[in-house]
Amino acid sequence: MLNREEKEFESEGLLEQAAARPSDSQGSYTLLRSGLFISIFLNIAFASFTIWHCRGSHSSYDRGFATDLGAARGAIELIQHDFGGGVELDEDGNFLTDSRGSEYVGPPSPAVDQAWDYLERGMNIDLHGQEGAEVQTFRWPETGASFTGLEVFHSLHCLNKLRQALYPDAYGHAFSESHGPMRKDHIGHCLNHLRQSIQCHSDLTPMEWKRVGNKLILSTKTPHTCRDFNKIHQWALGRMTDYNGLPTVMNGTLEIVA
């Protein structure tokens, strides 16, 4: 038989042991809390990685798309530009034309031709080394450079062909190359190409109609978000194909059909 003091000592020892060991419910709570913290941490880490991945790798108008030439993406810069050359109405109902861009329109003249020739410069370019490695295109046997160009210049070339088609007496020679497509085929190609280009880019800038008297007329002076063509043009001009250094072109072994 245990005396009173021994019983009290034994009871105190049992209480200390119970206090030293967490109960089953306390252990479950601790485990649940730890799991919750781990879950929150993993979710935050995953979300951070997803945001970083999207910002760094996904295509966009200002970063370039997967189908854009990688070497040219560094020339992309966005600007806001108000379109010019629209038809307007004055307060008396007379039609007026915005003169901006007038250097590209009008009857044939050396000045108009020079303006378009400069826009088309840089249409054909050579890419050397790593710049041309990604492009699946013809490579010059003399230099190994990739012969390519940016689509914007092809579209400008087509637009110039349609301008020339408006004046057959002045530009009949533009469709008479023996190695090129027939006039109607070239015009048809350019119309279809520009149609697809416009649909592809699908500019979402809202049209703005203005009322002048009892007439509603479309205003084209609305701001558009554009890639800065001047920067892209300068990039291409620095890589223009030098045909003088290509004997296969100079001696007629190879002909470029444009």
Protein backbone atom coordinates (compact mmCIF):
# COMPACT_ATOMS: atom_id res chain seq x y z
CA MET A 1 0.00 0.00 0.00
CA LEU A 2 1.26 3.46 -0.93
CA ASN A 3 1.22 6.07 1.70
CA ARG A 4 -0.15 9.54 1.08
CA GLU A 5 3.16 11.14 0.14
CA GLU A 6 3.98 8.36 -2.33
CA LYS A 7 0.56 8.74 -3.98
CA GLU A 8 1.00 12.50 -4.36
CA PHE A 9 4.46 12.02 -5.86
CA GLU A 10 3.16 9.46 -8.34
CA SER A 11 0.28 11.76 -9.37
CA GLU A 12 2.65 14.68 -9.96
CA GLY A 13 4.88 12.46 -12.12
CA LEU A 14 1.97 11.40 -14.29
CA LEU A 15 0.88 15.03 -14.76
CA GLU A 16 4.40 16.02 -15.84
CA GLN A 17 4.53 13.19 -18.37
CA ALA A 18 1.14 14.18 -19.76
CA ALA A 19 2.27 17.79 -20.10
CA ALA A 20 5.47 16.72 -21.82
CA ARG A 21 3.58 14.68 -24.48
CA PRO A 22 1.22 16.59 -26.83
CA SER A 23 -2.21 15.12 -27.12
CA ASP A 24 -3.40 13.49 -30.36
CA SER A 25 -5.51 16.57 -31.17
CA GLN A 26 -2.57 18.90 -30.62
CA GLY A 27 -0.38 16.79 -32.89
CA SER A 28 -3.02 16.78 -35.63
CA TYR A 29 -3.38 20.56 -35.38
CA THR A 30 0.38 21.06 -35.65
CA LEU A 31 0.54 18.78 -38.70
CA LEU A 32 -2.40 20.56 -40.34
CA ARG A 33 -0.86 23.97 -39.71
CA SER A 34 2.47 22.86 -41.19
CA GLY A 35 0.71 21.45 -44.25
CA LEU A 36 -1.21 24.69 -44.71
CA PHE A 37 1.96 26.78 -44.59
CA ILE A 38 3.66 24.48 -47.11
CA SER A 39 0.62 24.65 -49.42
CA ILE A 40 0.53 28.46 -49.26
CA PHE A 41 4.27 28.65 -49.96
CA LEU A 42 4.03 26.32 -52.96
CA ASN A 43 1.06 28.23 -54.39
CA ILE A 44 2.87 31.56 -54.06
CA ALA A 45 6.00 30.07 -55.68
CA PHE A 46 3.94 28.60 -58.53
CA ALA A 47 2.07 31.87 -59.13
CA SER A 48 5.34 33.83 -59.13
CA PHE A 49 6.88 31.43 -61.63
CA THR A 50 3.80 31.60 -63.85
CA ILE A 51 3.86 35.42 -63.91
CA TRP A 52 7.60 35.44 -64.64
CA HIS A 53 7.18 32.85 -67.37
CA CYS A 54 4.30 34.71 -69.01
CA ARG A 55 6.12 38.04 -68.97
CA GLY A 56 9.34 36.58 -70.25
CA SER A 57 8.22 34.17 -72.93
CA HIS A 58 4.75 34.99 -74.21
CA SER A 59 4.40 36.86 -77.48
CA SER A 60 3.04 40.36 -77.70
CA TYR A 61 2.86 43.28 -80.11
CA ASP A 62 5.65 45.14 -78.33
CA ARG A 63 7.91 42.13 -77.65
CA GLY A 64 7.42 40.29 -80.91
CA PHE A 65 5.59 37.12 -81.88
CA ALA A 66 6.93 33.63 -82.50
CA THR A 67 6.55 34.24 -86.24
CA ASP A 68 8.49 37.54 -86.13
CA LEU A 69 12.16 37.49 -87.09
CA GLY A 70 13.99 37.13 -83.78
CA ALA A 71 16.97 39.20 -84.91
CA ALA A 72 14.68 42.18 -85.63
CA ARG A 73 12.73 42.17 -82.35
CA GLY A 74 15.22 44.57 -80.79
CA ALA A 75 14.07 47.21 -83.29
CA ILE A 76 10.47 47.10 -82.04
CA GLU A 77 9.31 50.28 -80.35
CA LEU A 78 5.69 51.34 -79.92
CA ILE A 79 4.50 54.84 -80.77
CA GLN A 80 1.14 56.58 -81.08
CA HIS A 81 0.54 57.97 -84.53
CA ASP A 82 -2.36 59.99 -85.96
CA PHE A 83 -3.10 58.84 -89.49
CA GLY A 84 -2.97 61.54 -92.17
CA GLY A 85 -4.23 61.99 -95.71
CA GLY A 86 -7.91 61.79 -94.86
CA VAL A 87 -10.77 63.57 -96.61
CA GLU A 88 -12.49 66.26 -94.51
CA LEU A 89 -15.37 68.72 -94.78
CA ASP A 90 -15.14 72.42 -94.01
CA GLU A 91 -18.01 74.40 -92.48
CA ASP A 92 -19.40 75.16 -95.94
CA GLY A 93 -19.55 71.49 -96.90
CA ASN A 94 -16.52 71.57 -99.21
CA PHE A 95 -14.24 68.52 -99.31
CA LEU A 96 -10.64 69.01 -98.23
CA THR A 97 -7.73 66.57 -98.13
CA ASP A 98 -5.24 66.41 -95.30
CA SER A 99 -1.85 67.04 -96.94
CA ARG A 100 0.12 64.71 -94.68
CA GLY A 101 1.57 61.87 -96.75
CA SER A 102 1.02 63.72 -100.03
CA GLU A 103 4.56 62.84 -101.11
CA TYR A 104 3.34 59.30 -101.81
CA VAL A 105 0.30 60.12 -103.93
CA GLY A 106 -0.60 62.03 -107.06
CA PRO A 107 0.35 61.80 -110.73
CA PRO A 108 3.67 60.13 -111.59
CA SER A 109 6.69 62.32 -110.90
CA PRO A 110 10.35 61.80 -109.95
CA ALA A 111 9.61 63.04 -106.42
CA VAL A 112 6.80 60.53 -105.87
CA ASP A 113 8.91 57.71 -107.32
CA GLN A 114 11.83 58.62 -105.04
CA ALA A 115 9.58 58.61 -101.98
CA TRP A 116 8.35 55.10 -102.76
CA ASP A 117 11.82 53.85 -103.75
CA TYR A 118 13.12 54.89 -100.35
CA LEU A 119 10.25 53.12 -98.54
CA GLU A 120 11.09 49.91 -100.39
CA ARG A 121 14.83 50.11 -99.70
CA GLY A 122 15.78 47.37 -97.31
CA MET A 123 13.16 44.97 -98.68
CA ASN A 124 15.83 42.33 -99.43
CA ILE A 125 18.39 41.75 -96.69
CA ASP A 126 21.21 39.32 -95.88
CA LEU A 127 21.59 37.87 -92.41
CA HIS A 128 24.93 36.45 -91.36
CA GLY A 129 25.86 34.04 -88.59
CA GLN A 130 23.48 33.68 -85.68
CA GLU A 131 21.05 36.30 -87.04
CA GLY A 132 20.25 34.09 -90.00
CA ALA A 133 20.40 30.72 -88.25
CA GLU A 134 16.67 30.70 -87.40
CA VAL A 135 15.45 31.54 -90.91
CA GLN A 136 14.45 28.76 -93.28
CA THR A 137 15.34 30.47 -96.54
CA PHE A 138 17.78 30.46 -99.46
CA ARG A 139 21.46 30.93 -98.61
CA TRP A 140 23.84 32.55 -101.05
CA PRO A 141 26.52 30.08 -102.25
CA GLU A 142 29.10 32.90 -102.28
CA THR A 143 28.67 34.08 -98.70
CA GLY A 144 26.43 31.59 -96.90
CA ALA A 145 24.24 34.51 -95.80
CA SER A 146 20.50 33.98 -95.43
CA PHE A 147 18.54 35.88 -98.10
CA THR A 148 15.34 37.19 -96.54
CA GLY A 149 13.36 40.34 -95.68
CA LEU A 150 10.64 41.67 -93.43
CA GLU A 151 7.03 41.26 -94.49
CA VAL A 152 6.25 44.96 -94.03
CA PHE A 153 8.43 45.75 -97.06
CA HIS A 154 6.71 43.14 -99.19
CA SER A 155 3.40 44.82 -98.39
CA LEU A 156 4.82 48.25 -99.27
CA HIS A 157 6.17 46.83 -102.51
CA CYS A 158 2.71 45.48 -103.36
CA LEU A 159 1.07 48.80 -102.53
CA ASN A 160 3.51 50.58 -104.82
CA LYS A 161 2.68 48.12 -107.62
CA LEU A 162 -1.01 48.98 -107.26
CA ARG A 163 -0.14 52.68 -107.39
CA GLN A 164 1.80 52.08 -110.59
CA ALA A 165 -1.09 50.08 -112.04
CA LEU A 166 -3.23 53.24 -111.83
CA TYR A 167 -0.94 54.86 -114.42
CA PRO A 168 -0.22 52.20 -117.09
CA ASP A 169 1.15 54.75 -119.55
CA ALA A 170 3.84 55.85 -117.11
CA TYR A 171 4.58 52.50 -115.50
CA GLY A 172 3.93 49.94 -118.21
CA HIS A 173 7.52 48.76 -117.81
CA ALA A 174 6.86 47.82 -114.17
CA PHE A 175 4.84 44.80 -115.33
CA SER A 176 6.77 43.89 -118.48
CA GLU A 177 9.67 41.89 -117.00
CA SER A 178 10.02 38.66 -118.97
CA HIS A 179 10.90 36.70 -115.82
CA GLY A 180 8.09 38.13 -113.70
CA PRO A 181 4.37 37.32 -113.41
CA MET A 182 1.86 38.78 -115.85
CA ARG A 183 0.30 42.16 -115.03
CA LYS A 184 -3.10 40.80 -113.97
CA ASP A 185 -1.50 38.07 -111.87
CA HIS A 186 0.81 40.53 -110.13
CA ILE A 187 -2.06 42.94 -109.39
CA GLY A 188 -4.27 40.08 -108.19
CA HIS A 189 -1.51 38.81 -105.91
CA CYS A 190 -0.94 42.26 -104.42
CA LEU A 191 -4.64 42.84 -103.77
CA ASN A 192 -4.94 39.50 -102.02
CA HIS A 193 -1.72 39.96 -100.09
CA LEU A 194 -2.72 43.37 -98.74
CA ARG A 195 -6.21 42.08 -97.91
CA GLN A 196 -4.71 39.30 -95.81
CA SER A 197 -2.18 41.61 -94.19
CA ILE A 198 -4.91 44.06 -93.11
CA GLN A 199 -7.09 41.23 -91.80
CA CYS A 200 -4.11 39.64 -90.04
CA HIS A 201 -3.28 42.80 -88.10
CA SER A 202 -6.96 43.63 -87.46
CA ASP A 203 -6.48 47.16 -86.12
CA LEU A 204 -9.02 47.67 -83.32
CA THR A 205 -8.75 51.48 -83.20
CA PRO A 206 -12.35 52.81 -83.12
CA MET A 207 -13.54 54.83 -86.10
CA GLU A 208 -14.64 58.38 -85.34
CA TRP A 209 -17.51 59.97 -87.28
CA LYS A 210 -18.00 63.73 -87.29
CA ARG A 211 -21.07 65.72 -88.18
CA VAL A 212 -20.64 68.71 -90.48
CA GLY A 213 -24.03 70.25 -91.27
CA ASN A 214 -26.26 67.40 -92.41
CA LYS A 215 -23.34 65.14 -93.36
CA LEU A 216 -21.45 62.54 -91.34
CA ILE A 217 -17.85 62.02 -92.40
CA LEU A 218 -15.20 59.63 -91.11
CA SER A 219 -12.24 61.26 -89.41
CA THR A 220 -8.95 59.38 -89.86
CA LYS A 221 -6.95 61.55 -87.45
CA THR A 222 -7.54 59.18 -84.55
CA PRO A 223 -4.40 57.97 -82.72
CA HIS A 224 -3.19 54.46 -83.52
CA THR A 225 -0.69 52.38 -81.58
CA CYS A 226 2.01 51.38 -84.06
CA ARG A 227 5.41 49.80 -84.26
CA ASP A 228 7.84 52.58 -85.14
CA PHE A 229 8.50 51.95 -88.84
CA ASN A 230 11.49 54.31 -88.92
CA LYS A 231 13.39 52.18 -86.40
CA ILE A 232 12.55 48.96 -88.26
CA HIS A 233 13.50 50.60 -91.57
CA GLN A 234 16.91 51.64 -90.22
CA TRP A 235 17.49 48.10 -88.96
CA ALA A 236 16.75 46.69 -92.42
CA LEU A 237 18.81 49.32 -94.25
CA GLY A 238 21.85 48.19 -92.28
CA ARG A 239 21.46 44.67 -93.71
CA MET A 240 20.58 45.36 -97.35
CA THR A 241 21.66 42.72 -99.84
CA ASP A 242 24.75 43.80 -101.79
CA TYR A 243 24.14 42.30 -105.21
CA ASN A 244 27.50 43.57 -106.49
CA GLY A 245 29.18 40.95 -104.33
CA LEU A 246 27.06 38.11 -105.69
CA PRO A 247 28.39 36.80 -109.03
CA THR A 248 25.47 34.39 -109.39
CA VAL A 249 23.14 37.39 -109.59
CA MET A 250 25.39 39.70 -111.55
CA ASN A 251 26.06 37.11 -114.29
CA GLY A 252 22.42 36.11 -114.57
CA THR A 253 22.76 32.60 -113.12
CA LEU A 254 20.10 33.52 -110.55
CA GLU A 255 17.19 35.91 -111.11
CA ILE A 256 15.14 37.51 -108.35
CA VAL A 257 11.41 37.57 -109.09
CA ALA A 258 9.64 40.42 -107.28
